[in-house]
Amino acid sequence: MTLTDQGLTTGRTVKAATPHDYPLIADFLATTPGLRGRKFAADSRDVAEQFEGVYPGSAVVLRGASADVLGYAALHRPDGAEPEVLGDFVFSPSVASATVDAVVGETVERFRRVAAPGAYLRVYIGADQPAAIDALVRRGAWKERQFVATRKPLHGEDPAALGAARIDGLTILSWPEVISAGFAEQVRQLQFDTFSEHFGNMSKTPQRWEHHLRSRAFNPDFSIAAVDEGGVVVGYVLGSTYTVGTGTDEERSAHTDYIGVRRDRRTRGTGELLLRKVWLAALRRGFTVASLGTDIDNASKAHELYRRLGYVAVGDQYAYRIDNDGSLR
């Protein structure tokens, strides 16, 4: 990608990202205050994985006068049934709005050039990126959804009580037990069904499931399943490690990426039990915080459960969309 000097402030350059940039991008993520949290490590290998499946040349790096990384953007090709092109925009708070606007604008134009008719650009983005949000809106993006990032301190939780928590007729399996007992496909099917009810293209097909389990973001330590006496999976959690902040302010939490309960088991305590077992796993591994993100329009009203269990809102996140049919909303 080549940008003219128009829109870029003096000393700023934008070039296609290469593997040589990944350690510098990782350093940017690890040391830049004010960025929202992430489900992957500030590690060049994790950065490389984040750029898998992007359109050629669409992953770009913004650099300052001293060649330090100040941000990046990328377009991910559709990988499911939906013609969804995912966009990433991460910029340091120090970057001028005009520069952000130029990078976002070129990325949106690239989307319009490379995406098939009927495709749409979806960007999950936090309130830490106001300039990028404004740039998207100026190009026709509309807000599809709002999410809330939450955290729960675990200092007041009793490991003994968490370990003793149970529901008659249910067995909670660790991820190694899920695999060894042959329940992984049942978990996938339940994940597919439960997230078909939710916003976004998040249900896991067999291909996407295998990719997720192989990814560096997936953490089996915080992934479990609930199985009934008939050997049927009725609930699950798929987790990751969430990192927010830098330096001495960095915080790592046991993050719940996906949680689901079979429809006929809902309102019977299964979701709460699953979360309590995740807290126990977190405490055993030295974590003092659990976290998750929730859709404020979730039809199951799961956010009410999370609030009751002590998850506190700490930030807003959004989904913005641009359609590739010329429509504006």
C-alpha atoms as a PDB file:
ATOM      1  CA  MET A   1       0.000   0.000   0.000  1.00  0.00           C
ATOM      2  CA  THR A   2       1.303   3.426  -0.901  1.00  0.00           C
ATOM      3  CA  LEU A   3      -0.167   6.587   0.536  1.00  0.00           C
ATOM      4  CA  THR A   4       0.596  10.057  -0.694  1.00  0.00           C
ATOM      5  CA  ASP A   5       1.828  12.654   1.749  1.00  0.00           C
ATOM      6  CA  GLN A   6      -1.670  14.102   1.780  1.00  0.00           C
ATOM      7  CA  GLY A   7      -3.275  12.983   5.030  1.00  0.00           C
ATOM      8  CA  LEU A   8      -0.031  11.663   6.546  1.00  0.00           C
ATOM      9  CA  THR A   9       1.729  13.970   8.961  1.00  0.00           C
ATOM     10  CA  THR A  10       5.435  14.643   8.493  1.00  0.00           C
ATOM     11  CA  GLY A  11       7.628  11.667   9.224  1.00  0.00           C
ATOM     12  CA  ARG A  12       4.865   9.062   8.983  1.00  0.00           C
ATOM     13  CA  THR A  13       5.095   6.178   6.499  1.00  0.00           C
ATOM     14  CA  VAL A  14       2.770   3.294   5.672  1.00  0.00           C
ATOM     15  CA  LYS A  15       4.066   0.093   4.093  1.00  0.00           C
ATOM     16  CA  ALA A  16       2.938  -3.492   3.686  1.00  0.00           C
ATOM     17  CA  ALA A  17       3.752  -5.587   6.740  1.00  0.00           C
ATOM     18  CA  THR A  18       6.363  -8.337   6.392  1.00  0.00           C
ATOM     19  CA  PRO A  19       7.561 -10.961   8.889  1.00  0.00           C
ATOM     20  CA  HIS A  20      10.437  -8.622   9.735  1.00  0.00           C
ATOM     21  CA  ASP A  21       7.857  -6.205  11.156  1.00  0.00           C
ATOM     22  CA  TYR A  22       6.193  -8.706  13.479  1.00  0.00           C
ATOM     23  CA  PRO A  23       8.614  -8.304  16.424  1.00  0.00           C
ATOM     24  CA  LEU A  24       8.234  -4.514  16.159  1.00  0.00           C
ATOM     25  CA  ILE A  25       4.444  -4.785  16.069  1.00  0.00           C
ATOM     26  CA  ALA A  26       4.627  -7.031  19.127  1.00  0.00           C
ATOM     27  CA  ASP A  27       6.757  -4.402  20.859  1.00  0.00           C
ATOM     28  CA  PHE A  28       4.196  -1.737  19.913  1.00  0.00           C
ATOM     29  CA  LEU A  29       1.407  -3.791  21.487  1.00  0.00           C
ATOM     30  CA  ALA A  30       3.427  -4.478  24.626  1.00  0.00           C
ATOM     31  CA  THR A  31       4.555  -0.912  25.273  1.00  0.00           C
ATOM     32  CA  THR A  32       1.843   1.458  24.002  1.00  0.00           C
ATOM     33  CA  PRO A  33      -0.470   2.733  26.758  1.00  0.00           C
ATOM     34  CA  GLY A  34      -4.121   3.291  25.970  1.00  0.00           C
ATOM     35  CA  LEU A  35      -4.790   0.333  23.670  1.00  0.00           C
ATOM     36  CA  ARG A  36      -7.667  -2.002  24.398  1.00  0.00           C
ATOM     37  CA  GLY A  37      -6.927  -5.523  25.573  1.00  0.00           C
ATOM     38  CA  ARG A  38      -6.147  -8.469  23.350  1.00  0.00           C
ATOM     39  CA  LYS A  39      -6.611 -12.245  23.399  1.00  0.00           C
ATOM     40  CA  PHE A  40      -3.144 -12.961  22.032  1.00  0.00           C
ATOM     41  CA  ALA A  41       0.337 -12.299  23.362  1.00  0.00           C
ATOM     42  CA  ALA A  42       2.665  -9.457  22.386  1.00  0.00           C
ATOM     43  CA  ASP A  43       4.827 -11.996  20.594  1.00  0.00           C
ATOM     44  CA  SER A  44       5.938 -12.015  16.959  1.00  0.00           C
ATOM     45  CA  ARG A  45       4.511 -15.526  16.512  1.00  0.00           C
ATOM     46  CA  ASP A  46       1.103 -14.379  17.721  1.00  0.00           C
ATOM     47  CA  VAL A  47       1.265 -11.333  15.454  1.00  0.00           C
ATOM     48  CA  ALA A  48       2.047 -13.609  12.507  1.00  0.00           C
ATOM     49  CA  GLU A  49      -0.992 -15.712  13.371  1.00  0.00           C
ATOM     50  CA  GLN A  50      -3.187 -12.607  13.547  1.00  0.00           C
ATOM     51  CA  PHE A  51      -2.215 -11.797   9.951  1.00  0.00           C
ATOM     52  CA  GLU A  52      -3.030 -15.263   8.602  1.00  0.00           C
ATOM     53  CA  GLY A  53      -5.721 -15.185   5.943  1.00  0.00           C
ATOM     54  CA  VAL A  54      -5.425 -11.497   5.075  1.00  0.00           C
ATOM     55  CA  TYR A  55      -5.772 -10.248   1.527  1.00  0.00           C
ATOM     56  CA  PRO A  56      -2.302  -9.926  -0.017  1.00  0.00           C
ATOM     57  CA  GLY A  57      -0.820  -6.549   0.788  1.00  0.00           C
ATOM     58  CA  SER A  58      -3.704  -5.510   3.041  1.00  0.00           C
ATOM     59  CA  ALA A  59      -1.747  -5.815   6.303  1.00  0.00           C
ATOM     60  CA  VAL A  60       0.078  -2.512   6.636  1.00  0.00           C
ATOM     61  CA  VAL A  61       2.253  -0.890   9.277  1.00  0.00           C
ATOM     62  CA  LEU A  62       2.312   2.775  10.224  1.00  0.00           C
ATOM     63  CA  ARG A  63       5.743   4.020  11.303  1.00  0.00           C
ATOM     64  CA  GLY A  64       7.024   7.225  12.832  1.00  0.00           C
ATOM     65  CA  ALA A  65      10.113   9.269  12.017  1.00  0.00           C
ATOM     66  CA  SER A  66      12.332   6.970  14.076  1.00  0.00           C
ATOM     67  CA  ALA A  67      10.873   3.889  12.313  1.00  0.00           C
ATOM     68  CA  ASP A  68       8.987   2.862  15.444  1.00  0.00           C
ATOM     69  CA  VAL A  69       5.587   1.229  14.875  1.00  0.00           C
ATOM     70  CA  LEU A  70       2.616   3.486  15.599  1.00  0.00           C
ATOM     71  CA  GLY A  71      -0.177   1.241  14.366  1.00  0.00           C
ATOM     72  CA  TYR A  72      -1.391  -1.262  11.801  1.00  0.00           C
ATOM     73  CA  ALA A  73      -4.390  -2.230   9.696  1.00  0.00           C
ATOM     74  CA  ALA A  74      -5.461  -5.415   7.892  1.00  0.00           C
ATOM     75  CA  LEU A  75      -8.290  -7.015   5.889  1.00  0.00           C
ATOM     76  CA  HIS A  76      -9.123 -10.679   6.495  1.00  0.00           C
ATOM     77  CA  ARG A  77     -10.666 -12.775   3.741  1.00  0.00           C
ATOM     78  CA  PRO A  78     -13.995 -14.522   4.468  1.00  0.00           C
ATOM     79  CA  ASP A  79     -13.495 -17.922   6.067  1.00  0.00           C
ATOM     80  CA  GLY A  80     -17.063 -19.090   6.605  1.00  0.00           C
ATOM     81  CA  ALA A  81     -20.459 -19.177   4.957  1.00  0.00           C
ATOM     82  CA  GLU A  82     -20.921 -15.435   5.409  1.00  0.00           C
ATOM     83  CA  PRO A  83     -19.206 -13.023   2.954  1.00  0.00           C
ATOM     84  CA  GLU A  84     -17.688 -11.258   5.960  1.00  0.00           C
ATOM     85  CA  VAL A  85     -14.418  -9.376   5.515  1.00  0.00           C
ATOM     86  CA  LEU A  86     -12.967  -8.525   8.917  1.00  0.00           C
ATOM     87  CA  GLY A  87     -10.975  -5.345   9.339  1.00  0.00           C
ATOM     88  CA  ASP A  88      -8.355  -4.579  11.997  1.00  0.00           C
ATOM     89  CA  PHE A  89      -7.388  -1.037  12.957  1.00  0.00           C
ATOM     90  CA  VAL A  90      -5.016  -0.418  15.866  1.00  0.00           C
ATOM     91  CA  PHE A  91      -3.294   2.944  16.318  1.00  0.00           C
ATOM     92  CA  SER A  92      -1.390   4.632  19.102  1.00  0.00           C
ATOM     93  CA  PRO A  93      -3.357   7.438  20.780  1.00  0.00           C
ATOM     94  CA  SER A  94      -0.517   9.751  19.713  1.00  0.00           C
ATOM     95  CA  VAL A  95      -1.263   9.369  15.985  1.00  0.00           C
ATOM     96  CA  ALA A  96      -2.930  12.388  14.381  1.00  0.00           C
ATOM     97  CA  SER A  97      -6.538  11.933  13.269  1.00  0.00           C
ATOM     98  CA  ALA A  98      -5.624  12.897   9.695  1.00  0.00           C
ATOM     99  CA  THR A  99      -3.096  10.071   9.520  1.00  0.00           C
ATOM    100  CA  VAL A 100      -5.579   7.551  10.905  1.00  0.00           C
ATOM    101  CA  ASP A 101      -8.147   8.782   8.403  1.00  0.00           C
ATOM    102  CA  ALA A 102      -5.735   8.248   5.511  1.00  0.00           C
ATOM    103  CA  VAL A 103      -4.904   4.672   6.536  1.00  0.00           C
ATOM    104  CA  VAL A 104      -8.527   3.750   7.204  1.00  0.00           C
ATOM    105  CA  GLY A 105      -9.601   5.350   3.937  1.00  0.00           C
ATOM    106  CA  GLU A 106      -7.091   3.412   1.866  1.00  0.00           C
ATOM    107  CA  THR A 107      -8.052   0.169   3.630  1.00  0.00           C
ATOM    108  CA  VAL A 108     -11.750   0.719   2.942  1.00  0.00           C
ATOM    109  CA  GLU A 109     -10.961   1.451  -0.702  1.00  0.00           C
ATOM    110  CA  ARG A 110      -8.983  -1.772  -0.876  1.00  0.00           C
ATOM    111  CA  PHE A 111     -11.994  -3.623   0.540  1.00  0.00           C
ATOM    112  CA  ARG A 112     -14.187  -2.203  -2.202  1.00  0.00           C
ATOM    113  CA  ARG A 113     -11.657  -3.291  -4.832  1.00  0.00           C
ATOM    114  CA  VAL A 114     -11.013  -6.850  -3.664  1.00  0.00           C
ATOM    115  CA  ALA A 115     -14.259  -7.973  -2.027  1.00  0.00           C
ATOM    116  CA  ALA A 116     -16.897  -9.825  -4.004  1.00  0.00           C
ATOM    117  CA  PRO A 117     -20.271  -8.174  -4.666  1.00  0.00           C
ATOM    118  CA  GLY A 118     -22.510  -8.655  -1.666  1.00  0.00           C
ATOM    119  CA  ALA A 119     -19.599  -8.871   0.766  1.00  0.00           C
ATOM    120  CA  TYR A 120     -19.431  -6.609   3.779  1.00  0.00           C
ATOM    121  CA  LEU A 121     -16.646  -5.181   5.882  1.00  0.00           C
ATOM    122  CA  ARG A 122     -17.083  -5.742   9.607  1.00  0.00           C
ATOM    123  CA  VAL A 123     -14.795  -4.086  12.132  1.00  0.00           C
ATOM    124  CA  TYR A 124     -14.802  -4.985  15.808  1.00  0.00           C
ATOM    125  CA  ILE A 125     -13.261  -1.962  17.472  1.00  0.00           C
ATOM    126  CA  GLY A 126     -12.972  -0.458  20.920  1.00  0.00           C
ATOM    127  CA  ALA A 127     -13.654   3.001  22.267  1.00  0.00           C
ATOM    128  CA  ASP A 128      -9.853   3.423  22.409  1.00  0.00           C
ATOM    129  CA  GLN A 129      -9.881   4.084  18.636  1.00  0.00           C
ATOM    130  CA  PRO A 130     -12.149   7.140  18.206  1.00  0.00           C
ATOM    131  CA  ALA A 131     -10.283   8.494  15.161  1.00  0.00           C
ATOM    132  CA  ALA A 132     -10.611   5.159  13.333  1.00  0.00           C
ATOM    133  CA  ILE A 133     -14.312   4.971  14.199  1.00  0.00           C
ATOM    134  CA  ASP A 134     -14.867   8.490  12.864  1.00  0.00           C
ATOM    135  CA  ALA A 135     -12.975   7.607   9.679  1.00  0.00           C
ATOM    136  CA  LEU A 136     -15.121   4.509   9.153  1.00  0.00           C
ATOM    137  CA  VAL A 137     -18.342   6.434   9.712  1.00  0.00           C
ATOM    138  CA  ARG A 138     -17.259   9.055   7.189  1.00  0.00           C
ATOM    139  CA  ARG A 139     -16.997   6.234   4.647  1.00  0.00           C
ATOM    140  CA  GLY A 140     -20.469   4.886   5.269  1.00  0.00           C
ATOM    141  CA  ALA A 141     -19.942   2.537   8.213  1.00  0.00           C
ATOM    142  CA  TRP A 142     -22.900   1.999  10.508  1.00  0.00           C
ATOM    143  CA  LYS A 143     -22.866   0.617  14.028  1.00  0.00           C
ATOM    144  CA  GLU A 144     -24.346  -2.865  14.054  1.00  0.00           C
ATOM    145  CA  ARG A 145     -23.816  -3.762  17.686  1.00  0.00           C
ATOM    146  CA  GLN A 146     -22.372  -2.662  20.996  1.00  0.00           C
ATOM    147  CA  PHE A 147     -20.498  -4.849  23.443  1.00  0.00           C
ATOM    148  CA  VAL A 148     -19.243  -4.353  26.967  1.00  0.00           C
ATOM    149  CA  ALA A 149     -15.862  -5.571  28.176  1.00  0.00           C
ATOM    150  CA  THR A 150     -16.101  -6.794  31.771  1.00  0.00           C
ATOM    151  CA  ARG A 151     -13.720  -7.981  34.466  1.00  0.00           C
ATOM    152  CA  LYS A 152     -14.241  -9.787  37.739  1.00  0.00           C
ATOM    153  CA  PRO A 153     -11.696  -9.642  40.579  1.00  0.00           C
ATOM    154  CA  LEU A 154     -11.166 -13.076  42.107  1.00  0.00           C
ATOM    155  CA  HIS A 155      -9.556 -12.044  45.402  1.00  0.00           C
ATOM    156  CA  GLY A 156     -12.748 -12.704  47.336  1.00  0.00           C
ATOM    157  CA  GLU A 157     -13.399 -16.158  45.888  1.00  0.00           C
ATOM    158  CA  ASP A 158     -12.768 -19.230  48.046  1.00  0.00           C
ATOM    159  CA  PRO A 159     -11.007 -21.980  46.054  1.00  0.00           C
ATOM    160  CA  ALA A 160     -12.458 -24.643  48.336  1.00  0.00           C
ATOM    161  CA  ALA A 161     -16.007 -23.415  47.730  1.00  0.00           C
ATOM    162  CA  LEU A 162     -15.396 -23.175  43.992  1.00  0.00           C
ATOM    163  CA  GLY A 163     -14.028 -26.711  43.968  1.00  0.00           C
ATOM    164  CA  ALA A 164     -17.039 -28.015  45.873  1.00  0.00           C
ATOM    165  CA  ALA A 165     -19.611 -26.305  43.640  1.00  0.00           C
ATOM    166  CA  ARG A 166     -21.696 -28.843  41.753  1.00  0.00           C
ATOM    167  CA  ILE A 167     -25.071 -29.616  40.200  1.00  0.00           C
ATOM    168  CA  ASP A 168     -26.549 -33.085  40.614  1.00  0.00           C
ATOM    169  CA  GLY A 169     -26.363 -35.039  37.384  1.00  0.00           C
ATOM    170  CA  LEU A 170     -23.643 -32.896  35.801  1.00  0.00           C
ATOM    171  CA  THR A 171     -19.927 -33.538  35.494  1.00  0.00           C
ATOM    172  CA  ILE A 172     -17.510 -30.722  34.695  1.00  0.00           C
ATOM    173  CA  LEU A 173     -14.648 -31.879  32.478  1.00  0.00           C
ATOM    174  CA  SER A 174     -11.325 -30.134  31.937  1.00  0.00           C
ATOM    175  CA  TRP A 175     -10.231 -29.721  28.332  1.00  0.00           C
ATOM    176  CA  PRO A 176      -7.857 -32.712  28.413  1.00  0.00           C
ATOM    177  CA  GLU A 177     -10.781 -34.775  29.731  1.00  0.00           C
ATOM    178  CA  VAL A 178     -13.043 -33.444  26.975  1.00  0.00           C
ATOM    179  CA  ILE A 179     -10.542 -34.605  24.370  1.00  0.00           C
ATOM    180  CA  SER A 180      -9.721 -37.969  25.930  1.00  0.00           C
ATOM    181  CA  ALA A 181     -13.404 -38.818  26.438  1.00  0.00           C
ATOM    182  CA  GLY A 182     -14.260 -37.943  22.836  1.00  0.00           C
ATOM    183  CA  PHE A 183     -16.576 -35.018  23.590  1.00  0.00           C
ATOM    184  CA  ALA A 184     -14.861 -32.391  21.420  1.00  0.00           C
ATOM    185  CA  GLU A 185     -17.263 -32.728  18.487  1.00  0.00           C
ATOM    186  CA  GLN A 186     -20.260 -32.433  20.805  1.00  0.00           C
ATOM    187  CA  VAL A 187     -18.774 -29.233  22.199  1.00  0.00           C
ATOM    188  CA  ARG A 188     -18.273 -27.917  18.665  1.00  0.00           C
ATOM    189  CA  GLN A 189     -21.859 -28.708  17.695  1.00  0.00           C
ATOM    190  CA  LEU A 190     -23.198 -26.999  20.810  1.00  0.00           C
ATOM    191  CA  GLN A 191     -20.971 -23.985  20.176  1.00  0.00           C
ATOM    192  CA  PHE A 192     -22.262 -23.827  16.607  1.00  0.00           C
ATOM    193  CA  ASP A 193     -25.881 -24.002  17.749  1.00  0.00           C
ATOM    194  CA  THR A 194     -25.621 -21.535  20.615  1.00  0.00           C
ATOM    195  CA  PHE A 195     -23.697 -18.925  18.645  1.00  0.00           C
ATOM    196  CA  SER A 196     -26.062 -19.249  15.691  1.00  0.00           C
ATOM    197  CA  GLU A 197     -28.473 -17.453  18.025  1.00  0.00           C
ATOM    198  CA  HIS A 198     -26.046 -14.569  18.536  1.00  0.00           C
ATOM    199  CA  PHE A 199     -24.808 -11.654  16.501  1.00  0.00           C
ATOM    200  CA  GLY A 200     -21.858 -12.155  14.184  1.00  0.00           C
ATOM    201  CA  ASN A 201     -20.285 -14.941  12.200  1.00  0.00           C
ATOM    202  CA  MET A 202     -18.948 -16.792  15.248  1.00  0.00           C
ATOM    203  CA  SER A 203     -20.287 -20.345  14.954  1.00  0.00           C
ATOM    204  CA  LYS A 204     -17.528 -22.889  14.436  1.00  0.00           C
ATOM    205  CA  THR A 205     -17.721 -25.139  11.392  1.00  0.00           C
ATOM    206  CA  PRO A 206     -15.410 -28.177  11.553  1.00  0.00           C
ATOM    207  CA  GLN A 207     -12.713 -26.263   9.667  1.00  0.00           C
ATOM    208  CA  ARG A 208     -12.987 -23.139  11.793  1.00  0.00           C
ATOM    209  CA  TRP A 209     -13.108 -25.300  14.931  1.00  0.00           C
ATOM    210  CA  GLU A 210      -9.821 -26.997  14.159  1.00  0.00           C
ATOM    211  CA  HIS A 211      -8.225 -23.659  13.334  1.00  0.00           C
ATOM    212  CA  HIS A 212      -9.430 -22.201  16.640  1.00  0.00           C
ATOM    213  CA  LEU A 213      -8.129 -25.105  18.708  1.00  0.00           C
ATOM    214  CA  ARG A 214      -4.733 -24.911  16.986  1.00  0.00           C
ATOM    215  CA  SER A 215      -4.441 -21.166  17.431  1.00  0.00           C
ATOM    216  CA  ARG A 216      -2.107 -19.620  19.968  1.00  0.00           C
ATOM    217  CA  ALA A 217      -5.043 -17.596  21.324  1.00  0.00           C
ATOM    218  CA  PHE A 218      -6.967 -20.682  22.507  1.00  0.00           C
ATOM    219  CA  ASN A 219      -6.198 -21.559  26.120  1.00  0.00           C
ATOM    220  CA  PRO A 220      -7.263 -25.068  27.167  1.00  0.00           C
ATOM    221  CA  ASP A 221      -6.600 -24.155  30.818  1.00  0.00           C
ATOM    222  CA  PHE A 222      -9.763 -22.029  30.804  1.00  0.00           C
ATOM    223  CA  SER A 223     -11.845 -24.304  28.550  1.00  0.00           C
ATOM    224  CA  ILE A 224     -14.266 -26.842  30.033  1.00  0.00           C
ATOM    225  CA  ALA A 225     -17.511 -28.700  29.358  1.00  0.00           C
ATOM    226  CA  ALA A 226     -20.531 -29.858  31.356  1.00  0.00           C
ATOM    227  CA  VAL A 227     -21.773 -33.382  30.589  1.00  0.00           C
ATOM    228  CA  ASP A 228     -24.999 -34.935  31.861  1.00  0.00           C
ATOM    229  CA  GLU A 229     -25.538 -38.490  33.071  1.00  0.00           C
ATOM    230  CA  GLY A 230     -26.441 -39.599  29.560  1.00  0.00           C
ATOM    231  CA  GLY A 231     -23.077 -38.516  28.174  1.00  0.00           C
ATOM    232  CA  VAL A 232     -24.467 -35.417  26.474  1.00  0.00           C
ATOM    233  CA  VAL A 233     -22.607 -32.112  26.493  1.00  0.00           C
ATOM    234  CA  VAL A 234     -25.012 -29.481  27.851  1.00  0.00           C
ATOM    235  CA  GLY A 235     -22.637 -26.558  28.379  1.00  0.00           C
ATOM    236  CA  TYR A 236     -19.122 -25.379  27.610  1.00  0.00           C
ATOM    237  CA  VAL A 237     -16.591 -22.584  27.955  1.00  0.00           C
ATOM    238  CA  LEU A 238     -13.803 -21.857  25.473  1.00  0.00           C
ATOM    239  CA  GLY A 239     -11.207 -19.535  26.931  1.00  0.00           C
ATOM    240  CA  SER A 240      -8.117 -17.476  26.275  1.00  0.00           C
ATOM    241  CA  THR A 241      -5.723 -15.263  28.219  1.00  0.00           C
ATOM    242  CA  TYR A 242      -6.638 -11.592  27.989  1.00  0.00           C
ATOM    243  CA  THR A 243      -3.980  -8.909  28.372  1.00  0.00           C
ATOM    244  CA  VAL A 244      -4.597  -5.222  28.977  1.00  0.00           C
ATOM    245  CA  GLY A 245      -2.234  -2.437  29.993  1.00  0.00           C
ATOM    246  CA  THR A 246       1.542  -2.128  29.767  1.00  0.00           C
ATOM    247  CA  GLY A 247       4.541  -2.384  32.063  1.00  0.00           C
ATOM    248  CA  THR A 248       3.679  -2.478  35.752  1.00  0.00           C
ATOM    249  CA  ASP A 249       0.033  -1.767  34.846  1.00  0.00           C
ATOM    250  CA  GLU A 250      -0.290  -4.892  32.698  1.00  0.00           C
ATOM    251  CA  GLU A 251      -3.079  -7.224  33.761  1.00  0.00           C
ATOM    252  CA  ARG A 252      -3.691 -10.751  32.504  1.00  0.00           C
ATOM    253  CA  SER A 253      -7.045 -12.401  33.052  1.00  0.00           C
ATOM    254  CA  ALA A 254      -8.737 -15.739  32.496  1.00  0.00           C
ATOM    255  CA  HIS A 255     -10.951 -14.760  29.582  1.00  0.00           C
ATOM    256  CA  THR A 256     -14.151 -16.458  28.452  1.00  0.00           C
ATOM    257  CA  ASP A 257     -14.366 -16.201  24.663  1.00  0.00           C
ATOM    258  CA  TYR A 258     -17.375 -18.460  24.166  1.00  0.00           C
ATOM    259  CA  ILE A 259     -19.857 -19.784  26.707  1.00  0.00           C
ATOM    260  CA  GLY A 260     -23.015 -21.664  25.876  1.00  0.00           C
ATOM    261  CA  VAL A 261     -25.661 -23.824  27.517  1.00  0.00           C
ATOM    262  CA  ARG A 262     -28.164 -26.076  25.794  1.00  0.00           C
ATOM    263  CA  ARG A 263     -31.523 -24.354  25.604  1.00  0.00           C
ATOM    264  CA  ASP A 264     -33.339 -26.834  27.881  1.00  0.00           C
ATOM    265  CA  ARG A 265     -30.667 -26.416  30.582  1.00  0.00           C
ATOM    266  CA  ARG A 266     -30.781 -22.625  30.773  1.00  0.00           C
ATOM    267  CA  THR A 267     -31.822 -20.809  33.977  1.00  0.00           C
ATOM    268  CA  ARG A 268     -30.825 -23.902  35.959  1.00  0.00           C
ATOM    269  CA  GLY A 269     -27.386 -22.747  37.081  1.00  0.00           C
ATOM    270  CA  THR A 270     -25.249 -24.463  34.449  1.00  0.00           C
ATOM    271  CA  GLY A 271     -23.677 -21.263  33.127  1.00  0.00           C
ATOM    272  CA  GLU A 272     -22.887 -20.044  36.630  1.00  0.00           C
ATOM    273  CA  LEU A 273     -21.283 -23.375  37.533  1.00  0.00           C
ATOM    274  CA  LEU A 274     -19.120 -23.285  34.414  1.00  0.00           C
ATOM    275  CA  LEU A 275     -17.885 -19.782  35.213  1.00  0.00           C
ATOM    276  CA  ARG A 276     -17.111 -20.719  38.813  1.00  0.00           C
ATOM    277  CA  LYS A 277     -14.961 -23.596  37.577  1.00  0.00           C
ATOM    278  CA  VAL A 278     -13.118 -21.191  35.255  1.00  0.00           C
ATOM    279  CA  TRP A 279     -12.442 -18.946  38.256  1.00  0.00           C
ATOM    280  CA  LEU A 280     -11.026 -21.936  40.106  1.00  0.00           C
ATOM    281  CA  ALA A 281      -8.729 -22.776  37.200  1.00  0.00           C
ATOM    282  CA  ALA A 282      -7.626 -19.142  37.101  1.00  0.00           C
ATOM    283  CA  LEU A 283      -6.803 -19.019  40.819  1.00  0.00           C
ATOM    284  CA  ARG A 284      -4.854 -22.263  40.601  1.00  0.00           C
ATOM    285  CA  ARG A 285      -2.706 -20.699  37.886  1.00  0.00           C
ATOM    286  CA  GLY A 286      -2.036 -17.501  39.780  1.00  0.00           C
ATOM    287  CA  PHE A 287      -4.583 -15.284  38.025  1.00  0.00           C
ATOM    288  CA  THR A 288      -6.541 -12.814  40.124  1.00  0.00           C
ATOM    289  CA  VAL A 289      -9.012 -11.602  37.480  1.00  0.00           C
ATOM    290  CA  ALA A 290     -11.536 -13.198  35.119  1.00  0.00           C
ATOM    291  CA  SER A 291     -12.976 -11.375  32.112  1.00  0.00           C
ATOM    292  CA  LEU A 292     -15.447 -11.642  29.256  1.00  0.00           C
ATOM    293  CA  GLY A 293     -17.189  -9.508  26.676  1.00  0.00           C
ATOM    294  CA  THR A 294     -20.944  -9.430  26.289  1.00  0.00           C
ATOM    295  CA  ASP A 295     -23.400  -8.237  23.660  1.00  0.00           C
ATOM    296  CA  ILE A 296     -25.701  -5.690  25.298  1.00  0.00           C
ATOM    297  CA  ASP A 297     -28.550  -6.977  23.094  1.00  0.00           C
ATOM    298  CA  ASN A 298     -27.969 -10.654  23.859  1.00  0.00           C
ATOM    299  CA  ALA A 299     -31.374 -12.326  23.583  1.00  0.00           C
ATOM    300  CA  SER A 300     -30.603 -14.700  26.466  1.00  0.00           C
ATOM    301  CA  LYS A 301     -29.929 -11.750  28.811  1.00  0.00           C
ATOM    302  CA  ALA A 302     -26.637 -13.355  29.796  1.00  0.00           C
ATOM    303  CA  HIS A 303     -25.290  -9.964  30.876  1.00  0.00           C
ATOM    304  CA  GLU A 304     -27.695 -10.087  33.822  1.00  0.00           C
ATOM    305  CA  LEU A 305     -26.014 -13.287  35.041  1.00  0.00           C
ATOM    306  CA  TYR A 306     -22.562 -11.810  34.591  1.00  0.00           C
ATOM    307  CA  ARG A 307     -23.514  -8.685  36.523  1.00  0.00           C
ATOM    308  CA  ARG A 308     -24.926 -10.776  39.371  1.00  0.00           C
ATOM    309  CA  LEU A 309     -21.709 -12.793  39.530  1.00  0.00           C
ATOM    310  CA  GLY A 310     -19.610  -9.662  39.919  1.00  0.00           C
ATOM    311  CA  TYR A 311     -18.422  -8.895  36.383  1.00  0.00           C
ATOM    312  CA  VAL A 312     -18.013  -5.119  36.118  1.00  0.00           C
ATOM    313  CA  ALA A 313     -18.084  -3.124  32.874  1.00  0.00           C
ATOM    314  CA  VAL A 314     -14.690  -1.589  32.062  1.00  0.00           C
ATOM    315  CA  GLY A 315     -15.003  -0.565  28.418  1.00  0.00           C
ATOM    316  CA  ASP A 316     -17.173  -0.356  25.326  1.00  0.00           C
ATOM    317  CA  GLN A 317     -16.592  -2.156  22.048  1.00  0.00           C
ATOM    318  CA  TYR A 318     -18.515  -1.989  18.797  1.00  0.00           C
ATOM    319  CA  ALA A 319     -19.139  -3.728  15.503  1.00  0.00           C
ATOM    320  CA  TYR A 320     -19.202  -1.408  12.476  1.00  0.00           C
ATOM    321  CA  ARG A 321     -20.192  -2.481   8.976  1.00  0.00           C
ATOM    322  CA  ILE A 322     -19.753  -1.255   5.415  1.00  0.00           C
ATOM    323  CA  ASP A 323     -21.576  -3.076   2.617  1.00  0.00           C
ATOM    324  CA  ASN A 324     -19.999  -3.602  -0.781  1.00  0.00           C
ATOM    325  CA  ASP A 325     -23.157  -2.696  -2.673  1.00  0.00           C
ATOM    326  CA  GLY A 326     -22.846   1.060  -2.414  1.00  0.00           C
ATOM    327  CA  SER A 327     -25.431   1.366   0.331  1.00  0.00           C
ATOM    328  CA  LEU A 328     -25.025   3.772   3.228  1.00  0.00           C
ATOM    329  CA  ARG A 329     -26.907   3.601   6.513  1.00  0.00           C
END
